[in-house]
């Protein structure tokens, strides 16, 4: 399944789908099939007929898998760059939007994640040393710096470059995050930068909470239905479930027959696991 065709190396999304599929057709030592949303898995030669269906359908693959595992709930996949929200009930995803534009409009797709998101996208001001501090509108630091300092980001899932190309140490993360409020690392003790990281964490959690409340306000699931989390940022989904007073299910717990390591990577890369399950089901 596909994501990435919205990247600015392509003139438009349809060109992106064509080019990505052409590369995959060349490099894979098999005859690939592509997930095309409601059309299911299609052959490579049919991609050009379903460009809009193939584009960014990865979220739907995941949501369809989750809908088959739980009776109902709110599924949230927080990745490195974006977060996906899907109400699921009765064996299907209940999303209102399907394209990127529609899903962004309905806040079923939020451009915020735990690795690549610039901190300037989270807040215009942030508490520091007892006062409100303005946040620089510069790409000085990312959310990966935040979650390195809070010790929540798995190093194996910390795959993007840093904002300044320097190291991913706690020291360098603190230095970058200090710059977001116009300061140097030496201006405060390390604990102050960790506390600042927790401030940015809460700002991001508030963004996710607002989107979650919008989905829950549709009243399509029961008040005690769980929140299901996936992705590199599933720890934020768990925190969100606690704030909303709902049970939390880590999607890895629903993936049976694998060790903990494989379950975790299936959770982080759930769209890939989901389409593999579809293929196996069709083959069976």
Protein backbone atom coordinates (compact mmCIF):
# COMPACT_ATOMS: atom_id res chain seq x y z
CA UNK A 1 0.00 0.00 0.00
CA UNK A 2 1.12 3.51 -0.64
CA UNK A 3 1.91 6.84 0.93
CA UNK A 4 4.33 9.51 -0.24
CA UNK A 5 2.75 10.61 -3.50
CA UNK A 6 1.96 13.98 -1.91
CA UNK A 7 5.71 14.67 -1.57
CA UNK A 8 6.87 17.77 -3.40
CA UNK A 9 9.24 15.84 -5.67
CA UNK A 10 6.12 14.99 -7.70
CA UNK A 11 4.18 17.64 -9.67
CA UNK A 12 0.88 16.11 -8.50
CA UNK A 13 -0.45 13.10 -6.62
CA UNK A 14 -1.34 11.03 -9.68
CA UNK A 15 2.21 11.42 -11.01
CA UNK A 16 3.47 10.29 -7.63
CA UNK A 17 1.36 7.13 -7.70
CA UNK A 18 2.54 6.33 -11.21
CA UNK A 19 6.22 6.85 -10.41
CA UNK A 20 6.18 5.02 -7.08
CA UNK A 21 4.36 2.03 -8.58
CA UNK A 22 6.71 1.96 -11.57
CA UNK A 23 9.75 1.85 -9.28
CA UNK A 24 8.20 -0.91 -7.17
CA UNK A 25 7.33 -2.89 -10.27
CA UNK A 26 10.98 -2.68 -11.35
CA UNK A 27 12.69 -3.52 -8.06
CA UNK A 28 10.41 -6.20 -6.58
CA UNK A 29 11.21 -9.75 -7.57
CA UNK A 30 7.54 -10.65 -7.89
CA UNK A 31 4.35 -9.42 -9.51
CA UNK A 32 3.14 -6.77 -7.06
CA UNK A 33 -0.45 -6.02 -6.18
CA UNK A 34 -1.65 -2.70 -4.82
CA UNK A 35 -4.29 -1.81 -2.27
CA UNK A 36 -6.90 0.41 -3.95
CA UNK A 37 -9.30 1.08 -1.09
CA UNK A 38 -12.83 -0.14 -1.82
CA UNK A 39 -11.49 -1.98 -4.88
CA UNK A 40 -9.24 -4.13 -2.69
CA UNK A 41 -5.99 -5.53 -4.02
CA UNK A 42 -5.44 -4.90 -7.72
CA UNK A 43 -2.80 -6.01 -10.20
CA UNK A 44 0.05 -3.67 -11.11
CA UNK A 45 -1.25 -3.20 -14.64
CA UNK A 46 -4.51 -1.78 -13.23
CA UNK A 47 -2.90 0.95 -11.13
CA UNK A 48 -3.26 3.60 -13.85
CA UNK A 49 -7.03 3.01 -13.76
CA UNK A 50 -7.21 3.54 -9.98
CA UNK A 51 -4.70 6.30 -9.28
CA UNK A 52 -6.94 8.16 -6.82
CA UNK A 53 -7.90 4.94 -5.04
CA UNK A 54 -4.28 3.84 -4.57
CA UNK A 55 -3.12 7.28 -3.41
CA UNK A 56 -2.52 7.38 0.35
CA UNK A 57 -4.76 4.39 0.99
CA UNK A 58 -2.41 3.07 3.68
CA UNK A 59 -4.62 4.43 6.50
CA UNK A 60 -7.63 2.52 5.16
CA UNK A 61 -5.70 -0.73 5.08
CA UNK A 62 -4.92 -0.28 8.78
CA UNK A 63 -8.44 0.80 9.71
CA UNK A 64 -9.94 -2.15 7.85
CA UNK A 65 -7.67 -4.52 9.75
CA UNK A 66 -8.58 -2.96 13.11
CA UNK A 67 -12.29 -3.06 12.27
CA UNK A 68 -11.95 -6.80 11.88
CA UNK A 69 -10.31 -7.18 15.28
CA UNK A 70 -12.48 -5.09 17.62
CA UNK A 71 -16.25 -4.67 17.90
CA UNK A 72 -15.96 -0.89 18.01
CA UNK A 73 -13.57 1.87 19.00
CA UNK A 74 -11.53 4.86 17.92
CA UNK A 75 -8.37 3.81 16.10
CA UNK A 76 -5.47 6.27 16.16
CA UNK A 77 -2.17 5.67 14.37
CA UNK A 78 0.47 8.23 15.37
CA UNK A 79 3.44 7.92 13.06
CA UNK A 80 6.63 9.85 12.42
CA UNK A 81 4.89 12.59 10.42
CA UNK A 82 1.12 12.26 10.57
CA UNK A 83 -1.67 10.89 12.74
CA UNK A 84 -4.71 8.99 11.43
CA UNK A 85 -8.09 8.81 13.17
CA UNK A 86 -10.75 6.23 12.31
CA UNK A 87 -13.94 5.32 14.13
CA UNK A 88 -14.55 1.60 13.60
CA UNK A 89 -17.75 -0.35 14.30
CA UNK A 90 -19.63 -3.24 12.77
CA UNK A 91 -16.56 -4.49 10.94
CA UNK A 92 -15.88 -1.32 8.97
CA UNK A 93 -14.19 2.07 9.15
CA UNK A 94 -16.63 4.95 9.55
CA UNK A 95 -14.49 7.73 8.09
CA UNK A 96 -16.14 10.65 6.35
CA UNK A 97 -13.11 11.46 4.19
CA UNK A 98 -11.03 9.30 1.89
CA UNK A 99 -8.64 11.62 0.05
CA UNK A 100 -5.90 13.49 1.92
CA UNK A 101 -7.79 16.75 1.46
CA UNK A 102 -11.07 15.34 2.78
CA UNK A 103 -9.42 13.64 5.73
CA UNK A 104 -7.53 16.81 6.64
CA UNK A 105 -10.81 18.75 6.47
CA UNK A 106 -12.49 16.31 8.88
CA UNK A 107 -9.39 16.05 11.10
CA UNK A 108 -9.13 12.34 10.35
CA UNK A 109 -5.63 13.15 9.13
CA UNK A 110 -3.51 15.47 11.25
CA UNK A 111 -0.06 16.52 10.13
CA UNK A 112 1.64 15.88 13.44
CA UNK A 113 3.92 12.99 14.38
CA UNK A 114 6.58 11.99 16.87
CA UNK A 115 9.71 12.27 14.71
CA UNK A 116 9.61 14.78 11.83
CA UNK A 117 7.17 17.46 12.95
CA UNK A 118 8.81 20.89 13.45
CA UNK A 119 8.16 22.18 16.96
CA UNK A 120 6.97 25.51 15.56
CA UNK A 121 3.88 23.60 14.33
CA UNK A 122 2.82 22.71 17.86
CA UNK A 123 2.53 26.10 19.56
CA UNK A 124 3.21 29.81 19.18
CA UNK A 125 4.15 30.11 22.85
CA UNK A 126 5.19 27.69 25.57
CA UNK A 127 5.66 27.89 29.36
CA UNK A 128 9.29 28.14 30.47
CA UNK A 129 10.78 29.19 33.82
CA UNK A 130 7.40 30.34 35.07
CA UNK A 131 6.56 32.59 32.11
CA UNK A 132 5.11 32.27 28.63
CA UNK A 133 7.84 32.21 26.00
CA UNK A 134 7.37 32.85 22.28
CA UNK A 135 8.28 29.94 19.98
CA UNK A 136 10.51 30.71 16.98
CA UNK A 137 8.97 30.08 13.56
CA UNK A 138 12.11 28.27 12.46
CA UNK A 139 12.97 24.64 11.78
CA UNK A 140 15.37 24.44 14.71
CA UNK A 141 14.02 21.27 16.33
CA UNK A 142 11.54 18.46 15.77
CA UNK A 143 9.30 16.26 17.87
CA UNK A 144 11.99 13.58 17.90
CA UNK A 145 14.02 15.95 20.11
CA UNK A 146 11.05 16.14 22.49
CA UNK A 147 10.64 12.38 22.77
CA UNK A 148 14.34 11.71 23.11
CA UNK A 149 14.29 14.01 26.13
CA UNK A 150 11.17 12.34 27.58
CA UNK A 151 12.73 8.90 26.81
CA UNK A 152 9.60 7.74 24.97
CA UNK A 153 10.87 7.39 21.39
CA UNK A 154 12.31 3.99 20.54
CA UNK A 155 15.75 4.63 18.98
CA UNK A 156 15.02 2.03 16.29
CA UNK A 157 12.02 4.12 15.20
CA UNK A 158 13.97 7.41 15.27
CA UNK A 159 14.83 7.26 11.56
CA UNK A 160 14.71 10.85 10.29
CA UNK A 161 17.57 13.35 10.19
CA UNK A 162 17.73 15.96 12.92
CA UNK A 163 16.86 19.57 12.08
CA UNK A 164 20.52 20.66 12.06
CA UNK A 165 22.05 17.38 10.90
CA UNK A 166 23.81 16.92 14.26
CA UNK A 167 23.66 13.99 16.66
CA UNK A 168 20.57 12.47 18.26
CA UNK A 169 21.94 12.58 21.80
CA UNK A 170 20.04 14.00 24.75
CA UNK A 171 22.58 16.84 24.87
CA UNK A 172 22.06 17.81 21.23
CA UNK A 173 18.28 17.45 21.49
CA UNK A 174 18.27 19.83 24.47
CA UNK A 175 20.45 22.29 22.54
CA UNK A 176 18.05 22.29 19.61
CA UNK A 177 14.94 22.62 21.76
CA UNK A 178 16.51 25.55 23.65
CA UNK A 179 16.94 27.37 20.35
CA UNK A 180 13.19 27.17 19.78
CA UNK A 181 12.72 29.76 22.52
CA UNK A 182 15.76 31.85 21.57
CA UNK A 183 18.10 30.41 24.18
CA UNK A 184 21.32 28.46 24.46
CA UNK A 185 21.79 25.16 26.22
CA UNK A 186 23.93 26.84 28.91
CA UNK A 187 21.07 29.19 29.87
CA UNK A 188 19.40 26.58 32.10
CA UNK A 189 20.09 23.17 33.66
CA UNK A 190 19.26 20.01 31.71
CA UNK A 191 16.15 19.39 33.80
CA UNK A 192 14.69 22.66 32.50
CA UNK A 193 15.00 21.48 28.90
CA UNK A 194 13.39 18.16 29.80
CA UNK A 195 10.51 20.11 31.35
CA UNK A 196 10.27 22.21 28.18
CA UNK A 197 10.08 18.99 26.17
CA UNK A 198 7.15 17.88 28.34
CA UNK A 199 5.49 21.21 27.56
CA UNK A 200 5.76 20.58 23.82
CA UNK A 201 4.54 17.02 24.42
CA UNK A 202 1.39 18.35 26.05
CA UNK A 203 0.84 20.81 23.21
CA UNK A 204 0.97 17.95 20.71
CA UNK A 205 -1.28 15.82 22.89
CA UNK A 206 -3.80 18.68 22.95
CA UNK A 207 -3.85 18.70 19.12
CA UNK A 208 -4.55 14.97 19.08
CA UNK A 209 -7.17 15.31 21.82
CA UNK A 210 -9.10 17.96 19.87
CA UNK A 211 -9.21 15.70 16.81
CA UNK A 212 -10.23 12.69 18.91
CA UNK A 213 -13.05 14.63 20.57
CA UNK A 214 -14.31 15.69 17.15
CA UNK A 215 -14.51 12.03 16.07
CA UNK A 216 -16.13 10.90 19.33
CA UNK A 217 -18.73 13.68 19.05
CA UNK A 218 -20.25 11.80 16.11
CA UNK A 219 -21.63 9.31 18.69
CA UNK A 220 -21.00 6.30 16.46
CA UNK A 221 -19.38 4.23 19.22
CA UNK A 222 -20.30 3.56 22.86
CA UNK A 223 -19.00 5.80 25.67
CA UNK A 224 -16.90 2.93 27.02
CA UNK A 225 -15.53 1.80 23.67
CA UNK A 226 -11.72 1.59 23.60
CA UNK A 227 -9.13 3.70 21.89
CA UNK A 228 -6.79 1.54 19.82
CA UNK A 229 -3.25 2.79 19.27
CA UNK A 230 -0.61 2.05 16.65
CA UNK A 231 2.51 3.61 15.21
CA UNK A 232 5.79 4.92 16.58
CA UNK A 233 3.76 7.33 18.73
CA UNK A 234 1.33 4.83 20.24
CA UNK A 235 2.56 5.99 23.65
CA UNK A 236 0.74 9.28 22.97
CA UNK A 237 -2.43 7.37 22.10
CA UNK A 238 -2.24 5.60 25.45
CA UNK A 239 -1.83 8.95 27.22
CA UNK A 240 -4.80 10.30 25.27
CA UNK A 241 -6.98 7.33 26.25
CA UNK A 242 -6.12 7.98 29.89
CA UNK A 243 -7.11 11.64 29.57
CA UNK A 244 -10.40 10.70 27.91
CA UNK A 245 -11.17 7.97 30.45
CA UNK A 246 -11.37 5.19 27.88
CA UNK A 247 -9.76 1.74 27.77
CA UNK A 248 -6.60 1.51 25.67
CA UNK A 249 -5.63 -1.32 23.35
CA UNK A 250 -2.17 -1.46 21.83
CA UNK A 251 -2.67 -2.92 18.37
CA UNK A 252 0.33 -5.21 18.85
CA UNK A 253 -1.70 -7.18 21.41
CA UNK A 254 -4.16 -8.09 18.65
CA UNK A 255 -1.43 -9.43 16.36
CA UNK A 256 -1.03 -13.08 17.28
CA UNK A 257 1.60 -15.69 16.54
CA UNK A 258 4.71 -13.48 16.65
CA UNK A 259 7.31 -12.53 19.24
CA UNK A 260 7.28 -9.12 20.93
CA UNK A 261 9.80 -7.67 18.47
CA UNK A 262 7.74 -8.65 15.41
CA UNK A 263 4.50 -7.52 17.05
CA UNK A 264 6.01 -4.09 17.70
CA UNK A 265 7.18 -3.63 14.11
CA UNK A 266 3.80 -4.81 12.80
CA UNK A 267 2.23 -2.11 14.98
CA UNK A 268 4.63 0.58 13.76
CA UNK A 269 4.21 -0.48 10.12
CA UNK A 270 0.57 -1.54 10.42
CA UNK A 271 -0.50 -0.73 6.82
CA UNK A 272 2.10 -3.19 5.51
CA UNK A 273 0.97 -5.88 7.94
CA UNK A 274 -2.67 -5.16 7.09
CA UNK A 275 -2.25 -5.67 3.35
CA UNK A 276 -0.23 -8.85 3.99
CA UNK A 277 -3.22 -10.16 5.96
CA UNK A 278 -5.53 -9.22 3.10
CA UNK A 279 -3.34 -11.07 0.63
CA UNK A 280 -3.19 -14.18 2.82
CA UNK A 281 -6.95 -14.09 3.32
CA UNK A 282 -7.53 -13.83 -0.43
CA UNK A 283 -5.07 -16.64 -1.08
CA UNK A 284 -6.86 -18.82 1.46
